Amino acid sequence: MTADAPRSLPDAPRTLPDGRPVPLTTGAERPMLESRLDFHRATLALKCSGLDDAQARTASAEPSALTPLGLVQHLAEVERNWFQRVFAGLDVPPVYEEETGYALDPGRGLGEALDVWRREIARGRELCAGRSLDDTGRITGGPMDGVEVSLRWVLVHLVEEHARHNGHADILRERIDGVTGA
């Protein structure tokens, strides 16, 4: 083997020891984007695993009211907004009473919120199946009203959104019970 010859590495594990899928590092663009988004979705679920409903309602630090439950609800709204409203052009109501999803309802627990979030993910996948990364949707409302965005842009944005909130979830989880990592 010469110094310039590529080296073969053993196949990477398909999941990490904690059960999260390993994102693709090579290959076609769409599977790489989708695998990175799935990794971040699984990271949020991991950050919430083992929390009871009281812990899921624990805020990070004053003055913030950010909670793990609020993050899950917010990301359900994010999934619905970008895949259903923007990309597919559907006129669907907010998942929760207010459009950010952060507000907590005393009757809603973490398990229910995670189920709703997973349903929003599944619906987004259905709407994107068979569509090209170059297919577009249009933002309605807000400062970017009328801007056309591709499915590629939406997937990149969702990776960014989940990654940002996973950082928040790291801090929340450490405050709640000292669990760190992932």
N, C-alpha and C. Protein backbone atom coordinates (compact mmCIF):
# COMPACT_ATOMS: atom_id res chain seq x y z
N MET A 1 0.85 -1.17 0.00
CA MET A 1 0.00 0.00 0.00
C MET A 1 0.89 1.23 0.00
N THR A 2 0.60 2.17 -0.88
CA THR A 2 1.37 3.40 -0.94
C THR A 2 0.80 4.42 0.03
N ALA A 3 1.57 5.45 0.27
CA ALA A 3 1.13 6.49 1.21
C ALA A 3 -0.12 7.20 0.71
N ASP A 4 -0.32 7.24 -0.64
CA ASP A 4 -1.48 7.93 -1.20
C ASP A 4 -2.71 7.05 -1.33
N ALA A 5 -2.57 5.76 -1.11
CA ALA A 5 -3.69 4.85 -1.28
C ALA A 5 -4.70 5.03 -0.13
N PRO A 6 -5.99 5.02 -0.46
CA PRO A 6 -6.98 5.14 0.60
C PRO A 6 -6.95 3.92 1.51
N ARG A 7 -7.21 4.15 2.76
CA ARG A 7 -7.24 3.05 3.72
C ARG A 7 -8.68 2.64 3.97
N SER A 8 -8.89 1.36 4.08
CA SER A 8 -10.21 0.87 4.42
C SER A 8 -10.34 0.84 5.93
N LEU A 9 -11.43 1.36 6.39
CA LEU A 9 -11.71 1.32 7.81
C LEU A 9 -12.85 0.33 8.04
N PRO A 10 -12.88 -0.27 9.20
CA PRO A 10 -14.00 -1.18 9.47
C PRO A 10 -15.32 -0.42 9.42
N ASP A 11 -16.37 -1.14 9.07
CA ASP A 11 -17.69 -0.50 9.04
C ASP A 11 -18.00 0.08 10.41
N ALA A 12 -18.51 1.29 10.40
CA ALA A 12 -18.91 1.94 11.66
C ALA A 12 -20.15 1.23 12.20
N PRO A 13 -20.30 1.21 13.51
CA PRO A 13 -21.53 0.61 14.05
C PRO A 13 -22.73 1.40 13.58
N ARG A 14 -23.84 0.72 13.42
CA ARG A 14 -25.06 1.39 12.95
C ARG A 14 -25.75 2.17 14.06
N THR A 15 -25.49 1.79 15.29
CA THR A 15 -26.02 2.54 16.43
C THR A 15 -24.94 2.70 17.47
N LEU A 16 -25.05 3.75 18.23
CA LEU A 16 -24.15 3.98 19.35
C LEU A 16 -24.58 3.10 20.52
N PRO A 17 -23.71 2.92 21.51
CA PRO A 17 -24.10 2.10 22.66
C PRO A 17 -25.39 2.58 23.34
N ASP A 18 -25.69 3.86 23.24
CA ASP A 18 -26.92 4.39 23.87
C ASP A 18 -28.15 4.22 22.98
N GLY A 19 -27.98 3.60 21.80
CA GLY A 19 -29.10 3.31 20.91
C GLY A 19 -29.34 4.31 19.81
N ARG A 20 -28.67 5.45 19.84
CA ARG A 20 -28.87 6.44 18.78
C ARG A 20 -28.24 5.97 17.48
N PRO A 21 -28.88 6.29 16.34
CA PRO A 21 -28.30 5.90 15.05
C PRO A 21 -27.05 6.74 14.76
N VAL A 22 -26.07 6.09 14.18
CA VAL A 22 -24.86 6.80 13.78
C VAL A 22 -25.15 7.49 12.45
N PRO A 23 -24.98 8.81 12.38
CA PRO A 23 -25.24 9.50 11.11
C PRO A 23 -24.23 9.06 10.05
N LEU A 24 -24.68 9.02 8.81
CA LEU A 24 -23.80 8.69 7.70
C LEU A 24 -22.71 9.75 7.57
N THR A 25 -21.54 9.33 7.18
CA THR A 25 -20.43 10.26 6.97
C THR A 25 -20.01 10.33 5.50
N THR A 26 -20.55 9.46 4.70
CA THR A 26 -20.29 9.47 3.26
C THR A 26 -21.57 9.05 2.56
N GLY A 27 -21.63 9.33 1.28
CA GLY A 27 -22.76 8.88 0.50
C GLY A 27 -23.55 10.04 -0.08
N ALA A 28 -24.73 9.71 -0.53
CA ALA A 28 -25.60 10.70 -1.17
C ALA A 28 -26.08 11.73 -0.14
N GLU A 29 -26.35 12.91 -0.64
CA GLU A 29 -26.71 14.04 0.22
C GLU A 29 -27.97 13.80 1.06
N ARG A 30 -29.03 13.34 0.45
CA ARG A 30 -30.28 13.20 1.19
C ARG A 30 -30.18 12.21 2.34
N PRO A 31 -29.66 11.00 2.11
CA PRO A 31 -29.52 10.09 3.25
C PRO A 31 -28.61 10.66 4.35
N MET A 32 -27.60 11.42 3.96
CA MET A 32 -26.74 12.03 4.98
C MET A 32 -27.52 13.06 5.80
N LEU A 33 -28.29 13.92 5.15
CA LEU A 33 -29.08 14.92 5.87
C LEU A 33 -30.11 14.26 6.77
N GLU A 34 -30.82 13.27 6.22
CA GLU A 34 -31.85 12.59 7.01
C GLU A 34 -31.25 11.83 8.19
N SER A 35 -30.08 11.22 8.00
CA SER A 35 -29.47 10.48 9.11
C SER A 35 -28.98 11.43 10.19
N ARG A 36 -28.52 12.60 9.81
CA ARG A 36 -28.08 13.59 10.81
C ARG A 36 -29.29 14.11 11.59
N LEU A 37 -30.40 14.35 10.91
CA LEU A 37 -31.61 14.79 11.59
C LEU A 37 -32.12 13.68 12.52
N ASP A 38 -32.10 12.45 12.06
CA ASP A 38 -32.54 11.34 12.91
C ASP A 38 -31.66 11.20 14.15
N PHE A 39 -30.37 11.43 14.00
CA PHE A 39 -29.45 11.40 15.13
C PHE A 39 -29.85 12.45 16.17
N HIS A 40 -30.13 13.66 15.71
CA HIS A 40 -30.50 14.73 16.64
C HIS A 40 -31.87 14.49 17.27
N ARG A 41 -32.79 13.91 16.50
CA ARG A 41 -34.09 13.55 17.09
C ARG A 41 -33.88 12.51 18.19
N ALA A 42 -33.06 11.51 17.91
CA ALA A 42 -32.80 10.47 18.91
C ALA A 42 -32.08 11.03 20.13
N THR A 43 -31.26 12.03 19.92
CA THR A 43 -30.56 12.67 21.04
C THR A 43 -31.56 13.36 21.96
N LEU A 44 -32.54 14.04 21.41
CA LEU A 44 -33.56 14.67 22.24
C LEU A 44 -34.31 13.61 23.05
N ALA A 45 -34.72 12.54 22.39
CA ALA A 45 -35.43 11.46 23.10
C ALA A 45 -34.56 10.89 24.22
N LEU A 46 -33.27 10.73 23.96
CA LEU A 46 -32.35 10.23 24.97
C LEU A 46 -32.27 11.18 26.16
N LYS A 47 -32.20 12.48 25.87
CA LYS A 47 -32.13 13.48 26.94
C LYS A 47 -33.38 13.46 27.82
N CYS A 48 -34.50 12.99 27.27
CA CYS A 48 -35.74 12.94 28.03
C CYS A 48 -35.98 11.58 28.69
N SER A 49 -35.21 10.58 28.31
CA SER A 49 -35.47 9.24 28.84
C SER A 49 -35.18 9.19 30.34
N GLY A 50 -36.08 8.52 31.03
CA GLY A 50 -35.92 8.36 32.47
C GLY A 50 -36.43 9.51 33.30
N LEU A 51 -36.89 10.59 32.67
CA LEU A 51 -37.43 11.71 33.43
C LEU A 51 -38.89 11.44 33.77
N ASP A 52 -39.28 11.74 34.99
CA ASP A 52 -40.70 11.69 35.31
C ASP A 52 -41.31 13.04 34.93
N ASP A 53 -42.64 13.12 35.04
CA ASP A 53 -43.31 14.34 34.59
C ASP A 53 -42.89 15.58 35.38
N ALA A 54 -42.62 15.43 36.66
CA ALA A 54 -42.18 16.58 37.45
C ALA A 54 -40.80 17.04 36.97
N GLN A 55 -39.90 16.11 36.72
CA GLN A 55 -38.57 16.48 36.23
C GLN A 55 -38.66 17.12 34.85
N ALA A 56 -39.56 16.61 34.01
CA ALA A 56 -39.72 17.15 32.66
C ALA A 56 -40.23 18.59 32.68
N ARG A 57 -40.76 19.03 33.81
CA ARG A 57 -41.27 20.39 33.97
C ARG A 57 -40.28 21.29 34.71
N THR A 58 -39.09 20.78 34.99
CA THR A 58 -38.08 21.54 35.72
C THR A 58 -37.39 22.52 34.78
N ALA A 59 -37.45 23.80 35.13
CA ALA A 59 -36.83 24.85 34.33
C ALA A 59 -35.32 24.87 34.56
N SER A 60 -34.60 25.41 33.60
CA SER A 60 -33.15 25.43 33.66
C SER A 60 -32.65 26.31 34.79
N ALA A 61 -32.90 27.58 34.70
CA ALA A 61 -32.46 28.54 35.71
C ALA A 61 -33.21 29.83 35.47
N GLU A 62 -33.57 30.50 36.54
CA GLU A 62 -34.27 31.78 36.39
C GLU A 62 -33.42 32.76 35.61
N PRO A 63 -34.00 33.56 34.76
CA PRO A 63 -35.43 33.76 34.57
C PRO A 63 -36.04 32.83 33.52
N SER A 64 -35.27 31.92 32.97
CA SER A 64 -35.77 31.05 31.91
C SER A 64 -36.83 30.08 32.45
N ALA A 65 -37.86 29.86 31.64
CA ALA A 65 -38.89 28.88 31.96
C ALA A 65 -38.73 27.64 31.08
N LEU A 66 -37.60 27.53 30.38
CA LEU A 66 -37.35 26.42 29.47
C LEU A 66 -37.29 25.10 30.22
N THR A 67 -38.03 24.09 29.72
CA THR A 67 -38.09 22.77 30.34
C THR A 67 -37.91 21.69 29.28
N PRO A 68 -37.56 20.46 29.69
CA PRO A 68 -37.51 19.37 28.70
C PRO A 68 -38.87 19.16 28.01
N LEU A 69 -39.95 19.21 28.77
CA LEU A 69 -41.28 19.05 28.19
C LEU A 69 -41.55 20.16 27.17
N GLY A 70 -41.21 21.38 27.51
CA GLY A 70 -41.40 22.49 26.58
C GLY A 70 -40.59 22.31 25.30
N LEU A 71 -39.37 21.78 25.43
CA LEU A 71 -38.55 21.54 24.23
C LEU A 71 -39.20 20.51 23.31
N VAL A 72 -39.71 19.43 23.89
CA VAL A 72 -40.35 18.39 23.07
C VAL A 72 -41.57 18.98 22.36
N GLN A 73 -42.38 19.73 23.10
CA GLN A 73 -43.56 20.35 22.49
C GLN A 73 -43.16 21.32 21.39
N HIS A 74 -42.14 22.13 21.65
CA HIS A 74 -41.67 23.09 20.65
C HIS A 74 -41.21 22.38 19.39
N LEU A 75 -40.46 21.30 19.56
CA LEU A 75 -39.95 20.61 18.37
C LEU A 75 -41.06 19.88 17.61
N ALA A 76 -42.15 19.52 18.27
CA ALA A 76 -43.32 19.01 17.55
C ALA A 76 -43.89 20.12 16.67
N GLU A 77 -43.97 21.34 17.21
CA GLU A 77 -44.44 22.49 16.42
C GLU A 77 -43.50 22.76 15.25
N VAL A 78 -42.20 22.67 15.50
CA VAL A 78 -41.20 22.90 14.46
C VAL A 78 -41.37 21.90 13.32
N GLU A 79 -41.51 20.62 13.67
CA GLU A 79 -41.70 19.57 12.65
C GLU A 79 -42.95 19.87 11.83
N ARG A 80 -44.05 20.19 12.51
CA ARG A 80 -45.29 20.47 11.79
C ARG A 80 -45.13 21.69 10.88
N ASN A 81 -44.57 22.76 11.43
CA ASN A 81 -44.46 23.99 10.65
C ASN A 81 -43.65 23.79 9.37
N TRP A 82 -42.45 23.27 9.51
CA TRP A 82 -41.57 23.23 8.35
C TRP A 82 -41.95 22.16 7.33
N PHE A 83 -42.43 21.01 7.75
CA PHE A 83 -42.77 19.97 6.77
C PHE A 83 -44.20 20.12 6.26
N GLN A 84 -45.15 20.40 7.14
CA GLN A 84 -46.54 20.47 6.70
C GLN A 84 -46.92 21.84 6.15
N ARG A 85 -46.67 22.89 6.92
CA ARG A 85 -47.09 24.22 6.47
C ARG A 85 -46.20 24.75 5.34
N VAL A 86 -44.90 24.78 5.60
CA VAL A 86 -43.99 25.41 4.64
C VAL A 86 -43.76 24.52 3.43
N PHE A 87 -43.26 23.30 3.63
CA PHE A 87 -42.89 22.48 2.48
C PHE A 87 -44.11 21.96 1.73
N ALA A 88 -45.10 21.41 2.45
CA ALA A 88 -46.26 20.82 1.77
C ALA A 88 -47.38 21.83 1.51
N GLY A 89 -47.30 23.02 2.11
CA GLY A 89 -48.31 24.04 1.87
C GLY A 89 -49.67 23.75 2.49
N LEU A 90 -49.68 22.93 3.54
CA LEU A 90 -50.95 22.58 4.19
C LEU A 90 -51.35 23.65 5.21
N ASP A 91 -52.63 23.85 5.34
CA ASP A 91 -53.17 24.79 6.33
C ASP A 91 -53.57 23.97 7.56
N VAL A 92 -52.61 23.76 8.46
CA VAL A 92 -52.86 22.98 9.66
C VAL A 92 -52.72 23.87 10.89
N PRO A 93 -53.53 23.59 11.92
CA PRO A 93 -53.46 24.40 13.13
C PRO A 93 -52.20 24.07 13.93
N PRO A 94 -51.88 24.90 14.91
CA PRO A 94 -50.77 24.57 15.80
C PRO A 94 -51.04 23.24 16.51
N VAL A 95 -50.00 22.55 16.88
CA VAL A 95 -50.14 21.31 17.64
C VAL A 95 -50.70 21.62 19.03
N TYR A 96 -50.18 22.69 19.62
CA TYR A 96 -50.59 23.09 20.97
C TYR A 96 -51.31 24.43 20.91
N GLU A 97 -51.71 24.93 22.07
CA GLU A 97 -52.53 26.13 22.15
C GLU A 97 -51.84 27.35 21.55
N GLU A 98 -50.55 27.45 21.75
CA GLU A 98 -49.81 28.58 21.19
C GLU A 98 -48.71 28.04 20.29
N GLU A 99 -48.33 28.80 19.31
CA GLU A 99 -47.53 28.26 18.22
C GLU A 99 -46.09 27.91 18.54
N THR A 100 -45.54 28.34 19.66
CA THR A 100 -44.16 27.94 19.94
C THR A 100 -44.09 26.57 20.59
N GLY A 101 -45.16 26.19 21.32
CA GLY A 101 -45.17 24.90 21.98
C GLY A 101 -44.57 24.89 23.37
N TYR A 102 -43.95 25.98 23.79
CA TYR A 102 -43.25 25.97 25.07
C TYR A 102 -44.18 25.96 26.28
N ALA A 103 -45.41 26.48 26.15
CA ALA A 103 -46.31 26.57 27.30
C ALA A 103 -46.69 25.18 27.80
N LEU A 104 -46.70 25.03 29.11
CA LEU A 104 -47.00 23.73 29.71
C LEU A 104 -48.45 23.67 30.17
N ASP A 105 -49.09 22.55 29.90
CA ASP A 105 -50.45 22.27 30.33
C ASP A 105 -50.34 21.28 31.49
N PRO A 106 -50.98 21.57 32.62
CA PRO A 106 -50.87 20.67 33.77
C PRO A 106 -51.31 19.24 33.46
N GLY A 107 -52.19 19.06 32.48
CA GLY A 107 -52.68 17.73 32.16
C GLY A 107 -51.84 16.97 31.14
N ARG A 108 -50.83 17.59 30.58
CA ARG A 108 -50.03 16.94 29.53
C ARG A 108 -48.70 16.49 30.11
N GLY A 109 -48.43 15.21 29.99
CA GLY A 109 -47.17 14.67 30.48
C GLY A 109 -46.15 14.49 29.37
N LEU A 110 -44.95 14.12 29.77
CA LEU A 110 -43.85 13.93 28.82
C LEU A 110 -44.14 12.81 27.83
N GLY A 111 -44.71 11.70 28.31
CA GLY A 111 -45.01 10.59 27.40
C GLY A 111 -45.93 10.99 26.27
N GLU A 112 -46.98 11.73 26.61
CA GLU A 112 -47.92 12.20 25.59
C GLU A 112 -47.23 13.14 24.61
N ALA A 113 -46.43 14.07 25.13
CA ALA A 113 -45.73 15.02 24.26
C ALA A 113 -44.75 14.31 23.33
N LEU A 114 -44.05 13.30 23.83
CA LEU A 114 -43.14 12.54 22.97
C LEU A 114 -43.91 11.80 21.88
N ASP A 115 -45.08 11.25 22.22
CA ASP A 115 -45.90 10.57 21.20
C ASP A 115 -46.34 11.55 20.12
N VAL A 116 -46.78 12.73 20.52
CA VAL A 116 -47.21 13.75 19.56
C VAL A 116 -46.03 14.14 18.67
N TRP A 117 -44.87 14.38 19.26
CA TRP A 117 -43.66 14.74 18.51
C TRP A 117 -43.33 13.65 17.49
N ARG A 118 -43.39 12.40 17.91
CA ARG A 118 -43.09 11.29 16.98
C ARG A 118 -44.10 11.21 15.85
N ARG A 119 -45.36 11.51 16.13
CA ARG A 119 -46.37 11.54 15.05
C ARG A 119 -46.08 12.66 14.05
N GLU A 120 -45.64 13.80 14.55
CA GLU A 120 -45.29 14.91 13.65
C GLU A 120 -44.09 14.53 12.78
N ILE A 121 -43.13 13.84 13.36
CA ILE A 121 -41.98 13.37 12.58
C ILE A 121 -42.44 12.42 11.49
N ALA A 122 -43.30 11.46 11.84
CA ALA A 122 -43.80 10.49 10.86
C ALA A 122 -44.56 11.19 9.73
N ARG A 123 -45.37 12.17 10.08
CA ARG A 123 -46.13 12.89 9.04
C ARG A 123 -45.20 13.65 8.11
N GLY A 124 -44.18 14.27 8.67
CA GLY A 124 -43.20 14.97 7.84
C GLY A 124 -42.50 14.02 6.88
N ARG A 125 -42.15 12.84 7.37
CA ARG A 125 -41.51 11.84 6.49
C ARG A 125 -42.44 11.44 5.35
N GLU A 126 -43.72 11.25 5.67
CA GLU A 126 -44.69 10.90 4.62
C GLU A 126 -44.74 11.97 3.54
N LEU A 127 -44.78 13.22 3.96
CA LEU A 127 -44.91 14.32 3.01
C LEU A 127 -43.67 14.51 2.14
N CYS A 128 -42.52 14.09 2.65
CA CYS A 128 -41.26 14.27 1.92
C CYS A 128 -40.88 13.06 1.07
N ALA A 129 -41.51 11.92 1.34
CA ALA A 129 -41.18 10.70 0.62
C ALA A 129 -41.35 10.91 -0.89
N GLY A 130 -40.35 10.53 -1.62
CA GLY A 130 -40.41 10.64 -3.07
C GLY A 130 -40.21 12.04 -3.62
N ARG A 131 -40.00 12.99 -2.76
CA ARG A 131 -39.78 14.37 -3.21
C ARG A 131 -38.29 14.64 -3.34
N SER A 132 -37.94 15.54 -4.23
CA SER A 132 -36.55 15.91 -4.48
C SER A 132 -36.08 16.95 -3.47
N LEU A 133 -34.79 16.94 -3.18
CA LEU A 133 -34.22 17.98 -2.33
C LEU A 133 -34.41 19.36 -2.96
N ASP A 134 -34.60 19.42 -4.24
CA ASP A 134 -34.78 20.70 -4.93
C ASP A 134 -36.24 21.15 -4.98
N ASP A 135 -37.19 20.28 -4.58
CA ASP A 135 -38.60 20.69 -4.51
C ASP A 135 -38.73 21.80 -3.47
N THR A 136 -39.69 22.68 -3.68
CA THR A 136 -39.78 23.85 -2.81
C THR A 136 -41.15 24.01 -2.16
N GLY A 137 -41.12 24.76 -1.10
CA GLY A 137 -42.32 25.23 -0.41
C GLY A 137 -42.13 26.71 -0.15
N ARG A 138 -43.10 27.32 0.52
CA ARG A 138 -43.04 28.76 0.73
C ARG A 138 -43.39 29.09 2.18
N ILE A 139 -42.57 29.95 2.75
CA ILE A 139 -42.80 30.42 4.11
C ILE A 139 -43.97 31.40 4.09
N THR A 140 -44.88 31.23 5.05
CA THR A 140 -46.00 32.18 5.17
C THR A 140 -45.95 32.81 6.56
N GLY A 141 -46.00 34.10 6.59
CA GLY A 141 -45.97 34.83 7.85
C GLY A 141 -44.56 35.13 8.31
N GLY A 142 -44.48 36.02 9.24
CA GLY A 142 -43.19 36.37 9.83
C GLY A 142 -42.32 37.20 8.91
N PRO A 143 -41.07 37.43 9.32
CA PRO A 143 -40.18 38.30 8.55
C PRO A 143 -39.73 37.70 7.21
N MET A 144 -39.91 36.40 7.03
CA MET A 144 -39.51 35.77 5.77
C MET A 144 -40.73 35.40 4.92
N ASP A 145 -41.86 36.04 5.17
CA ASP A 145 -43.09 35.74 4.45
C ASP A 145 -42.87 35.75 2.94
N GLY A 146 -43.31 34.67 2.30
CA GLY A 146 -43.23 34.57 0.85
C GLY A 146 -41.93 33.99 0.32
N VAL A 147 -40.94 33.78 1.17
CA VAL A 147 -39.66 33.25 0.71
C VAL A 147 -39.81 31.77 0.36
N GLU A 148 -39.29 31.41 -0.81
CA GLU A 148 -39.31 30.03 -1.27
C GLU A 148 -38.10 29.30 -0.68
N VAL A 149 -38.33 28.08 -0.17
CA VAL A 149 -37.24 27.26 0.40
C VAL A 149 -37.33 25.85 -0.16
N SER A 150 -36.17 25.25 -0.36
CA SER A 150 -36.13 23.88 -0.87
C SER A 150 -36.22 22.88 0.28
N LEU A 151 -36.54 21.65 -0.06
CA LEU A 151 -36.54 20.59 0.95
C LEU A 151 -35.14 20.47 1.55
N ARG A 152 -34.12 20.65 0.76
CA ARG A 152 -32.74 20.63 1.26
C ARG A 152 -32.58 21.67 2.38
N TRP A 153 -33.05 22.90 2.13
CA TRP A 153 -32.95 23.97 3.12
C TRP A 153 -33.72 23.59 4.39
N VAL A 154 -34.92 23.03 4.22
CA VAL A 154 -35.73 22.65 5.38
C VAL A 154 -35.01 21.59 6.21
N LEU A 155 -34.43 20.58 5.56
CA LEU A 155 -33.71 19.54 6.30
C LEU A 155 -32.51 20.12 7.05
N VAL A 156 -31.74 20.99 6.39
CA VAL A 156 -30.60 21.62 7.06
C VAL A 156 -31.09 22.45 8.24
N HIS A 157 -32.17 23.20 8.05
CA HIS A 157 -32.72 24.01 9.13
C HIS A 157 -33.18 23.15 10.30
N LEU A 158 -33.81 22.01 10.02
CA LEU A 158 -34.27 21.13 11.10
C LEU A 158 -33.10 20.51 11.85
N VAL A 159 -32.02 20.17 11.15
CA VAL A 159 -30.81 19.69 11.84
C VAL A 159 -30.32 20.78 12.79
N GLU A 160 -30.23 21.99 12.28
CA GLU A 160 -29.78 23.14 13.08
C GLU A 160 -30.69 23.36 14.29
N GLU A 161 -31.98 23.33 14.08
CA GLU A 161 -32.95 23.57 15.16
C GLU A 161 -32.84 22.50 16.25
N HIS A 162 -32.78 21.24 15.84
CA HIS A 162 -32.66 20.16 16.83
C HIS A 162 -31.31 20.22 17.55
N ALA A 163 -30.25 20.50 16.83
CA ALA A 163 -28.93 20.56 17.47
C ALA A 163 -28.89 21.67 18.51
N ARG A 164 -29.44 22.82 18.17
CA ARG A 164 -29.47 23.95 19.12
C ARG A 164 -30.23 23.56 20.39
N HIS A 165 -31.39 22.96 20.21
CA HIS A 165 -32.20 22.60 21.36
C HIS A 165 -31.65 21.41 22.13
N ASN A 166 -30.88 20.57 21.47
CA ASN A 166 -30.21 19.50 22.21
C ASN A 166 -29.16 20.07 23.16
N GLY A 167 -28.55 21.18 22.79
CA GLY A 167 -27.64 21.86 23.72
C GLY A 167 -28.39 22.35 24.94
N HIS A 168 -29.60 22.90 24.72
CA HIS A 168 -30.44 23.30 25.86
C HIS A 168 -30.80 22.08 26.70
N ALA A 169 -31.15 20.98 26.04
CA ALA A 169 -31.53 19.77 26.76
C ALA A 169 -30.36 19.23 27.60
N ASP A 170 -29.13 19.38 27.09
CA ASP A 170 -27.95 18.98 27.88
C ASP A 170 -27.91 19.72 29.21
N ILE A 171 -28.09 21.02 29.14
CA ILE A 171 -28.03 21.85 30.34
C ILE A 171 -29.19 21.52 31.28
N LEU A 172 -30.38 21.37 30.71
CA LEU A 172 -31.55 21.03 31.53
C LEU A 172 -31.35 19.70 32.25
N ARG A 173 -30.90 18.70 31.51
CA ARG A 173 -30.75 17.37 32.12
C ARG A 173 -29.69 17.38 33.21
N GLU A 174 -28.60 18.09 32.98
CA GLU A 174 -27.56 18.17 34.01
C GLU A 174 -28.11 18.85 35.27
N ARG A 175 -28.92 19.88 35.10
CA ARG A 175 -29.51 20.56 36.26
C ARG A 175 -30.49 19.67 37.00
N ILE A 176 -31.23 18.87 36.27
CA ILE A 176 -32.28 18.01 36.88
C ILE A 176 -31.66 16.88 37.70
N ASP A 177 -30.73 16.13 37.09
CA ASP A 177 -30.24 14.94 37.80
C ASP A 177 -28.75 14.66 37.60
N GLY A 178 -28.04 15.62 37.03
CA GLY A 178 -26.59 15.48 36.89
C GLY A 178 -26.14 14.65 35.70
N VAL A 179 -27.07 14.13 34.89
CA VAL A 179 -26.70 13.33 33.73
C VAL A 179 -26.09 14.25 32.68
N THR A 180 -24.92 13.89 32.18
CA THR A 180 -24.24 14.66 31.14
C THR A 180 -23.86 13.76 29.99
N GLY A 181 -23.44 14.37 28.92
CA GLY A 181 -22.95 13.62 27.76
C GLY A 181 -23.99 13.46 26.69
N ALA A 182 -23.58 12.78 25.62
CA ALA A 182 -24.41 12.50 24.45
C ALA A 182 -24.68 13.77 23.72
